[in-house]
Structures are given as C-alpha cells and as structure tokens.
Amino acid sequence: MQNRIIMHIDVNSAFLSWQAVYNLQRGHSVDLREIPSAVGGNQATRHGIILARSMPAKKYGVKTGETVWEAKNKCPQLLL
C-alpha cells in the first residue's frame, strides 16, 4: 500500500485572492487584494453575506459572514 500525505490548507481570503489573480491575468489593472473589496452577496438587492474580504476592507472592520448591507455601511467604497 502506498503512503499518502493529506494536507488541509487555509488560504486567507481565498475566493477574493483567486478572483484577483484571475482578473490580473486577463489584463485588469486593479488588484482586488490592494483595495477595499469583498466577495459576497448581491449588491443590487443588498442580500447575502461577505464570503471573503481584502486586507484593506478588514481595516474598515468588514468581517466574513456579515451582511453586505453591514459591510457597505462600514466601508461605502467597498467593491463587491
């Protein structure tokens, strides 16, 4: 029987980081990791929660799991 190594990795703001890299590879000039930004619910209907946030968003007090409405109140310029 072959030995296996199983690793569990926690990536900070994984969804946001992956989207930022994806965008940059496609020529976008803004790095989502360097501005107040988050991955979350529907901004138009103001429903849903924050799934991941950038470090600049964290400085405004935006938290994973809070509602989009709460996050936008803390950081009006938050890019979703």
PDB file of N, CA and C in Angstrom:
ATOM      1  N   MET A   1       0.848  -1.188   0.000  1.00  0.00           N
ATOM      2  CA  MET A   1       0.000   0.000   0.000  1.00  0.00           C
ATOM      3  C   MET A   1       0.889   1.245   0.000  1.00  0.00           C
ATOM      4  N   GLN A   2       0.515   2.188  -0.787  1.00  0.00           N
ATOM      5  CA  GLN A   2       1.281   3.428  -0.933  1.00  0.00           C
ATOM      6  C   GLN A   2       0.948   4.412   0.196  1.00  0.00           C
ATOM      7  N   ASN A   3       1.981   5.070   0.735  1.00  0.00           N
ATOM      8  CA  ASN A   3       1.755   6.086   1.769  1.00  0.00           C
ATOM      9  C   ASN A   3       1.184   7.339   1.138  1.00  0.00           C
ATOM     10  N   ARG A   4       0.245   7.952   1.828  1.00  0.00           N
ATOM     11  CA  ARG A   4      -0.347   9.194   1.342  1.00  0.00           C
ATOM     12  C   ARG A   4      -0.158  10.282   2.378  1.00  0.00           C
ATOM     13  N   ILE A   5      -0.009  11.478   1.879  1.00  0.00           N
ATOM     14  CA  ILE A   5       0.025  12.653   2.739  1.00  0.00           C
ATOM     15  C   ILE A   5      -1.171  13.508   2.360  1.00  0.00           C
ATOM     16  N   ILE A   6      -1.991  13.827   3.330  1.00  0.00           N
ATOM     17  CA  ILE A   6      -3.162  14.672   3.101  1.00  0.00           C
ATOM     18  C   ILE A   6      -2.917  15.997   3.802  1.00  0.00           C
ATOM     19  N   MET A   7      -3.032  17.074   3.037  1.00  0.00           N
ATOM     20  CA  MET A   7      -2.811  18.408   3.597  1.00  0.00           C
ATOM     21  C   MET A   7      -4.100  19.212   3.533  1.00  0.00           C
ATOM     22  N   HIS A   8      -4.386  19.924   4.592  1.00  0.00           N
ATOM     23  CA  HIS A   8      -5.506  20.861   4.630  1.00  0.00           C
ATOM     24  C   HIS A   8      -4.900  22.251   4.695  1.00  0.00           C
ATOM     25  N   ILE A   9      -5.263  23.091   3.739  1.00  0.00           N
ATOM     26  CA  ILE A   9      -4.661  24.416   3.637  1.00  0.00           C
ATOM     27  C   ILE A   9      -5.743  25.477   3.783  1.00  0.00           C
ATOM     28  N   ASP A  10      -5.480  26.460   4.616  1.00  0.00           N
ATOM     29  CA  ASP A  10      -6.386  27.597   4.780  1.00  0.00           C
ATOM     30  C   ASP A  10      -5.747  28.799   4.091  1.00  0.00           C
ATOM     31  N   VAL A  11      -6.379  29.259   3.036  1.00  0.00           N
ATOM     32  CA  VAL A  11      -5.868  30.402   2.279  1.00  0.00           C
ATOM     33  C   VAL A  11      -6.628  31.647   2.723  1.00  0.00           C
ATOM     34  N   ASN A  12      -5.911  32.675   3.159  1.00  0.00           N
ATOM     35  CA  ASN A  12      -6.564  33.920   3.570  1.00  0.00           C
ATOM     36  C   ASN A  12      -7.340  34.520   2.411  1.00  0.00           C
ATOM     37  N   SER A  13      -8.604  34.807   2.651  1.00  0.00           N
ATOM     38  CA  SER A  13      -9.463  35.423   1.631  1.00  0.00           C
ATOM     39  C   SER A  13      -9.367  34.684   0.304  1.00  0.00           C
ATOM     40  N   ALA A  14      -9.492  33.374   0.343  1.00  0.00           N
ATOM     41  CA  ALA A  14      -9.253  32.531  -0.830  1.00  0.00           C
ATOM     42  C   ALA A  14     -10.046  32.971  -2.057  1.00  0.00           C
ATOM     43  N   PHE A  15     -11.359  33.106  -1.936  1.00  0.00           N
ATOM     44  CA  PHE A  15     -12.173  33.451  -3.107  1.00  0.00           C
ATOM     45  C   PHE A  15     -11.744  34.787  -3.700  1.00  0.00           C
ATOM     46  N   LEU A  16     -11.478  35.751  -2.850  1.00  0.00           N
ATOM     47  CA  LEU A  16     -11.062  37.070  -3.321  1.00  0.00           C
ATOM     48  C   LEU A  16      -9.677  37.001  -3.967  1.00  0.00           C
ATOM     49  N   SER A  17      -8.753  36.288  -3.347  1.00  0.00           N
ATOM     50  CA  SER A  17      -7.397  36.164  -3.890  1.00  0.00           C
ATOM     51  C   SER A  17      -7.411  35.493  -5.252  1.00  0.00           C
ATOM     52  N   TRP A  18      -8.182  34.425  -5.389  1.00  0.00           N
ATOM     53  CA  TRP A  18      -8.254  33.722  -6.674  1.00  0.00           C
ATOM     54  C   TRP A  18      -8.881  34.603  -7.747  1.00  0.00           C
ATOM     55  N   GLN A  19      -9.920  35.347  -7.389  1.00  0.00           N
ATOM     56  CA  GLN A  19     -10.547  36.252  -8.361  1.00  0.00           C
ATOM     57  C   GLN A  19      -9.584  37.357  -8.762  1.00  0.00           C
ATOM     58  N   ALA A  20      -8.818  37.883  -7.816  1.00  0.00           N
ATOM     59  CA  ALA A  20      -7.844  38.940  -8.109  1.00  0.00           C
ATOM     60  C   ALA A  20      -6.803  38.451  -9.108  1.00  0.00           C
ATOM     61  N   VAL A  21      -6.264  37.270  -8.888  1.00  0.00           N
ATOM     62  CA  VAL A  21      -5.259  36.714  -9.803  1.00  0.00           C
ATOM     63  C   VAL A  21      -5.878  36.452 -11.174  1.00  0.00           C
ATOM     64  N   TYR A  22      -7.078  35.909 -11.190  1.00  0.00           N
ATOM     65  CA  TYR A  22      -7.789  35.651 -12.449  1.00  0.00           C
ATOM     66  C   TYR A  22      -7.951  36.952 -13.241  1.00  0.00           C
ATOM     67  N   ASN A  23      -8.402  38.017 -12.561  1.00  0.00           N
ATOM     68  CA  ASN A  23      -8.593  39.312 -13.227  1.00  0.00           C
ATOM     69  C   ASN A  23      -7.279  39.870 -13.752  1.00  0.00           C
ATOM     70  N   LEU A  24      -6.226  39.812 -12.955  1.00  0.00           N
ATOM     71  CA  LEU A  24      -4.925  40.351 -13.366  1.00  0.00           C
ATOM     72  C   LEU A  24      -4.370  39.598 -14.570  1.00  0.00           C
ATOM     73  N   GLN A  25      -4.572  38.296 -14.617  1.00  0.00           N
ATOM     74  CA  GLN A  25      -4.105  37.509 -15.760  1.00  0.00           C
ATOM     75  C   GLN A  25      -4.851  37.872 -17.035  1.00  0.00           C
ATOM     76  N   ARG A  26      -6.013  38.436 -16.904  1.00  0.00           N
ATOM     77  CA  ARG A  26      -6.813  38.831 -18.063  1.00  0.00           C
ATOM     78  C   ARG A  26      -6.689  40.311 -18.376  1.00  0.00           C
ATOM     79  N   GLY A  27      -5.709  40.974 -17.768  1.00  0.00           N
ATOM     80  CA  GLY A  27      -5.401  42.344 -18.136  1.00  0.00           C
ATOM     81  C   GLY A  27      -6.015  43.437 -17.296  1.00  0.00           C
ATOM     82  N   HIS A  28      -6.743  43.088 -16.252  1.00  0.00           N
ATOM     83  CA  HIS A  28      -7.301  44.128 -15.376  1.00  0.00           C
ATOM     84  C   HIS A  28      -6.158  44.845 -14.674  1.00  0.00           C
ATOM     85  N   SER A  29      -6.307  46.132 -14.481  1.00  0.00           N
ATOM     86  CA  SER A  29      -5.228  46.914 -13.871  1.00  0.00           C
ATOM     87  C   SER A  29      -5.349  47.029 -12.351  1.00  0.00           C
ATOM     88  N   VAL A  30      -6.509  46.721 -11.801  1.00  0.00           N
ATOM     89  CA  VAL A  30      -6.736  46.860 -10.358  1.00  0.00           C
ATOM     90  C   VAL A  30      -6.588  45.495  -9.683  1.00  0.00           C
ATOM     91  N   ASP A  31      -5.770  45.456  -8.648  1.00  0.00           N
ATOM     92  CA  ASP A  31      -5.603  44.241  -7.858  1.00  0.00           C
ATOM     93  C   ASP A  31      -6.584  44.303  -6.688  1.00  0.00           C
ATOM     94  N   LEU A  32      -7.585  43.433  -6.697  1.00  0.00           N
ATOM     95  CA  LEU A  32      -8.622  43.439  -5.663  1.00  0.00           C
ATOM     96  C   LEU A  32      -8.063  43.249  -4.256  1.00  0.00           C
ATOM     97  N   ARG A  33      -6.890  42.664  -4.153  1.00  0.00           N
ATOM     98  CA  ARG A  33      -6.279  42.437  -2.839  1.00  0.00           C
ATOM     99  C   ARG A  33      -5.735  43.714  -2.229  1.00  0.00           C
ATOM    100  N   GLU A  34      -5.590  44.774  -3.039  1.00  0.00           N
ATOM    101  CA  GLU A  34      -4.970  46.017  -2.568  1.00  0.00           C
ATOM    102  C   GLU A  34      -5.955  47.158  -2.340  1.00  0.00           C
ATOM    103  N   ILE A  35      -7.238  46.910  -2.573  1.00  0.00           N
ATOM    104  CA  ILE A  35      -8.273  47.922  -2.348  1.00  0.00           C
ATOM    105  C   ILE A  35      -9.347  47.321  -1.440  1.00  0.00           C
ATOM    106  N   PRO A  36     -10.199  48.146  -0.831  1.00  0.00           N
ATOM    107  CA  PRO A  36     -11.298  47.586  -0.045  1.00  0.00           C
ATOM    108  C   PRO A  36     -12.266  46.841  -0.972  1.00  0.00           C
ATOM    109  N   SER A  37     -12.232  45.531  -0.924  1.00  0.00           N
ATOM    110  CA  SER A  37     -13.076  44.717  -1.795  1.00  0.00           C
ATOM    111  C   SER A  37     -13.492  43.449  -1.065  1.00  0.00           C
ATOM    112  N   ALA A  38     -14.534  42.816  -1.593  1.00  0.00           N
ATOM    113  CA  ALA A  38     -15.042  41.597  -0.965  1.00  0.00           C
ATOM    114  C   ALA A  38     -15.770  40.750  -1.995  1.00  0.00           C
ATOM    115  N   VAL A  39     -15.896  39.476  -1.677  1.00  0.00           N
ATOM    116  CA  VAL A  39     -16.728  38.556  -2.443  1.00  0.00           C
ATOM    117  C   VAL A  39     -17.930  38.283  -1.561  1.00  0.00           C
ATOM    118  N   GLY A  40     -19.118  38.480  -2.123  1.00  0.00           N
ATOM    119  CA  GLY A  40     -20.302  38.291  -1.294  1.00  0.00           C
ATOM    120  C   GLY A  40     -21.577  38.329  -2.091  1.00  0.00           C
ATOM    121  N   GLY A  41     -22.658  38.625  -1.410  1.00  0.00           N
ATOM    122  CA  GLY A  41     -23.997  38.596  -1.972  1.00  0.00           C
ATOM    123  C   GLY A  41     -24.250  39.612  -3.065  1.00  0.00           C
ATOM    124  N   ASN A  42     -25.511  39.774  -3.380  1.00  0.00           N
ATOM    125  CA  ASN A  42     -25.956  40.637  -4.465  1.00  0.00           C
ATOM    126  C   ASN A  42     -26.050  42.083  -3.977  1.00  0.00           C
ATOM    127  N   GLN A  43     -25.211  42.933  -4.528  1.00  0.00           N
ATOM    128  CA  GLN A  43     -25.183  44.339  -4.103  1.00  0.00           C
ATOM    129  C   GLN A  43     -26.453  45.081  -4.521  1.00  0.00           C
ATOM    130  N   ALA A  44     -26.994  44.751  -5.682  1.00  0.00           N
ATOM    131  CA  ALA A  44     -28.182  45.452  -6.178  1.00  0.00           C
ATOM    132  C   ALA A  44     -29.380  45.234  -5.251  1.00  0.00           C
ATOM    133  N   THR A  45     -29.548  44.007  -4.770  1.00  0.00           N
ATOM    134  CA  THR A  45     -30.677  43.714  -3.886  1.00  0.00           C
ATOM    135  C   THR A  45     -30.289  43.804  -2.416  1.00  0.00           C
ATOM    136  N   ARG A  46     -28.988  44.026  -2.182  1.00  0.00           N
ATOM    137  CA  ARG A  46     -28.444  44.157  -0.828  1.00  0.00           C
ATOM    138  C   ARG A  46     -28.727  42.915   0.008  1.00  0.00           C
ATOM    139  N   HIS A  47     -28.667  41.757  -0.645  1.00  0.00           N
ATOM    140  CA  HIS A  47     -28.850  40.481   0.043  1.00  0.00           C
ATOM    141  C   HIS A  47     -27.541  39.716   0.089  1.00  0.00           C
ATOM    142  N   GLY A  48     -27.434  38.828   1.035  1.00  0.00           N
ATOM    143  CA  GLY A  48     -26.284  37.946   1.118  1.00  0.00           C
ATOM    144  C   GLY A  48     -25.275  38.389   2.161  1.00  0.00           C
ATOM    145  N   ILE A  49     -24.209  37.595   2.253  1.00  0.00           N
ATOM    146  CA  ILE A  49     -23.169  37.847   3.244  1.00  0.00           C
ATOM    147  C   ILE A  49     -21.805  37.963   2.570  1.00  0.00           C
ATOM    148  N   ILE A  50     -20.852  38.454   3.333  1.00  0.00           N
ATOM    149  CA  ILE A  50     -19.475  38.564   2.865  1.00  0.00           C
ATOM    150  C   ILE A  50     -18.810  37.194   3.032  1.00  0.00           C
ATOM    151  N   LEU A  51     -18.305  36.635   1.926  1.00  0.00           N
ATOM    152  CA  LEU A  51     -17.626  35.340   1.962  1.00  0.00           C
ATOM    153  C   LEU A  51     -16.122  35.488   2.160  1.00  0.00           C
ATOM    154  N   ALA A  52     -15.564  36.556   1.608  1.00  0.00           N
ATOM    155  CA  ALA A  52     -14.123  36.832   1.730  1.00  0.00           C
ATOM    156  C   ALA A  52     -13.922  38.324   1.561  1.00  0.00           C
ATOM    157  N   ARG A  53     -12.891  38.864   2.239  1.00  0.00           N
ATOM    158  CA  ARG A  53     -12.623  40.299   2.105  1.00  0.00           C
ATOM    159  C   ARG A  53     -11.122  40.526   2.036  1.00  0.00           C
ATOM    160  N   SER A  54     -10.759  41.655   1.432  1.00  0.00           N
ATOM    161  CA  SER A  54      -9.349  42.019   1.301  1.00  0.00           C
ATOM    162  C   SER A  54      -8.833  42.570   2.626  1.00  0.00           C
ATOM    163  N   MET A  55      -7.525  42.643   2.756  1.00  0.00           N
ATOM    164  CA  MET A  55      -6.926  43.227   3.960  1.00  0.00           C
ATOM    165  C   MET A  55      -7.325  44.696   4.125  1.00  0.00           C
ATOM    166  N   PRO A  56      -7.352  45.505   3.039  1.00  0.00           N
ATOM    167  CA  PRO A  56      -7.832  46.887   3.212  1.00  0.00           C
ATOM    168  C   PRO A  56      -9.280  46.947   3.723  1.00  0.00           C
ATOM    169  N   ALA A  57     -10.143  46.028   3.288  1.00  0.00           N
ATOM    170  CA  ALA A  57     -11.526  46.004   3.784  1.00  0.00           C
ATOM    171  C   ALA A  57     -11.554  45.632   5.262  1.00  0.00           C
ATOM    172  N   LYS A  58     -10.670  44.739   5.650  1.00  0.00           N
ATOM    173  CA  LYS A  58     -10.584  44.330   7.054  1.00  0.00           C
ATOM    174  C   LYS A  58     -10.259  45.522   7.950  1.00  0.00           C
ATOM    175  N   LYS A  59      -9.442  46.448   7.453  1.00  0.00           N
ATOM    176  CA  LYS A  59      -9.079  47.637   8.239  1.00  0.00           C
ATOM    177  C   LYS A  59     -10.286  48.527   8.524  1.00  0.00           C
ATOM    178  N   TYR A  60     -11.332  48.422   7.693  1.00  0.00           N
ATOM    179  CA  TYR A  60     -12.572  49.175   7.914  1.00  0.00           C
ATOM    180  C   TYR A  60     -13.526  48.419   8.842  1.00  0.00           C
ATOM    181  N   GLY A  61     -13.146  47.232   9.249  1.00  0.00           N
ATOM    182  CA  GLY A  61     -13.993  46.444  10.135  1.00  0.00           C
ATOM    183  C   GLY A  61     -14.925  45.492   9.421  1.00  0.00           C
ATOM    184  N   VAL A  62     -14.770  45.342   8.101  1.00  0.00           N
ATOM    185  CA  VAL A  62     -15.594  44.396   7.342  1.00  0.00           C
ATOM    186  C   VAL A  62     -15.213  42.985   7.778  1.00  0.00           C
ATOM    187  N   LYS A  63     -16.237  42.166   8.074  1.00  0.00           N
ATOM    188  CA  LYS A  63     -15.993  40.817   8.583  1.00  0.00           C
ATOM    189  C   LYS A  63     -16.650  39.765   7.700  1.00  0.00           C
ATOM    190  N   THR A  64     -15.987  38.636   7.574  1.00  0.00           N
ATOM    191  CA  THR A  64     -16.559  37.493   6.878  1.00  0.00           C
ATOM    192  C   THR A  64     -17.810  37.050   7.629  1.00  0.00           C
ATOM    193  N   GLY A  65     -18.883  36.805   6.888  1.00  0.00           N
ATOM    194  CA  GLY A  65     -20.129  36.343   7.490  1.00  0.00           C
ATOM    195  C   GLY A  65     -21.138  37.436   7.775  1.00  0.00           C
ATOM    196  N   GLU A  66     -20.709  38.696   7.761  1.00  0.00           N
ATOM    197  CA  GLU A  66     -21.683  39.765   7.999  1.00  0.00           C
ATOM    198  C   GLU A  66     -22.439  40.066   6.703  1.00  0.00           C
ATOM    199  N   THR A  67     -23.555  40.750   6.831  1.00  0.00           N
ATOM    200  CA  THR A  67     -24.361  41.049   5.647  1.00  0.00           C
ATOM    201  C   THR A  67     -23.668  42.085   4.765  1.00  0.00           C
ATOM    202  N   VAL A  68     -24.013  42.044   3.488  1.00  0.00           N
ATOM    203  CA  VAL A  68     -23.482  43.028   2.543  1.00  0.00           C
ATOM    204  C   VAL A  68     -23.850  44.428   3.018  1.00  0.00           C
ATOM    205  N   TRP A  69     -25.061  44.597   3.512  1.00  0.00           N
ATOM    206  CA  TRP A  69     -25.536  45.897   3.989  1.00  0.00           C
ATOM    207  C   TRP A  69     -24.651  46.421   5.120  1.00  0.00           C
ATOM    208  N   GLU A  70     -24.326  45.560   6.089  1.00  0.00           N
ATOM    209  CA  GLU A  70     -23.457  45.977   7.202  1.00  0.00           C
ATOM    210  C   GLU A  70     -22.067  46.364   6.699  1.00  0.00           C
ATOM    211  N   ALA A  71     -21.536  45.566   5.788  1.00  0.00           N
ATOM    212  CA  ALA A  71     -20.196  45.833   5.249  1.00  0.00           C
ATOM    213  C   ALA A  71     -20.154  47.157   4.496  1.00  0.00           C
ATOM    214  N   LYS A  72     -21.185  47.428   3.688  1.00  0.00           N
ATOM    215  CA  LYS A  72     -21.231  48.684   2.926  1.00  0.00           C
ATOM    216  C   LYS A  72     -21.412  49.884   3.855  1.00  0.00           C
ATOM    217  N   ASN A  73     -22.078  49.712   4.974  1.00  0.00           N
ATOM    218  CA  ASN A  73     -22.197  50.801   5.952  1.00  0.00           C
ATOM    219  C   ASN A  73     -20.845  51.130   6.569  1.00  0.00           C
ATOM    220  N   LYS A  74     -20.042  50.123   6.822  1.00  0.00           N
ATOM    221  CA  LYS A  74     -18.708  50.337   7.393  1.00  0.00           C
ATOM    222  C   LYS A  74     -17.738  50.918   6.375  1.00  0.00           C
ATOM    223  N   CYS A  75     -17.911  50.505   5.117  1.00  0.00           N
ATOM    224  CA  CYS A  75     -16.958  50.885   4.071  1.00  0.00           C
ATOM    225  C   CYS A  75     -17.740  51.156   2.777  1.00  0.00           C
ATOM    226  N   PRO A  76     -18.276  52.379   2.610  1.00  0.00           N
ATOM    227  CA  PRO A  76     -19.115  52.691   1.448  1.00  0.00           C
ATOM    228  C   PRO A  76     -18.436  52.446   0.097  1.00  0.00           C
ATOM    229  N   GLN A  77     -17.108  52.557   0.033  1.00  0.00           N
ATOM    230  CA  GLN A  77     -16.404  52.355  -1.232  1.00  0.00           C
ATOM    231  C   GLN A  77     -16.057  50.883  -1.483  1.00  0.00           C
ATOM    232  N   LEU A  78     -16.550  49.972  -0.638  1.00  0.00           N
ATOM    233  CA  LEU A  78     -16.269  48.546  -0.778  1.00  0.00           C
ATOM    234  C   LEU A  78     -16.704  48.054  -2.154  1.00  0.00           C
ATOM    235  N   LEU A  79     -15.791  47.420  -2.870  1.00  0.00           N
ATOM    236  CA  LEU A  79     -16.081  46.852  -4.186  1.00  0.00           C
ATOM    237  C   LEU A  79     -16.465  45.395  -4.009  1.00  0.00           C
ATOM    238  N   LEU A  80     -17.669  45.038  -4.462  1.00  0.00           N
ATOM    239  CA  LEU A  80     -18.134  43.647  -4.381  1.00  0.00           C
ATOM    240  C   LEU A  80     -18.018  42.985  -5.731  1.00  0.00           C
TER     241      LEU A  80
END
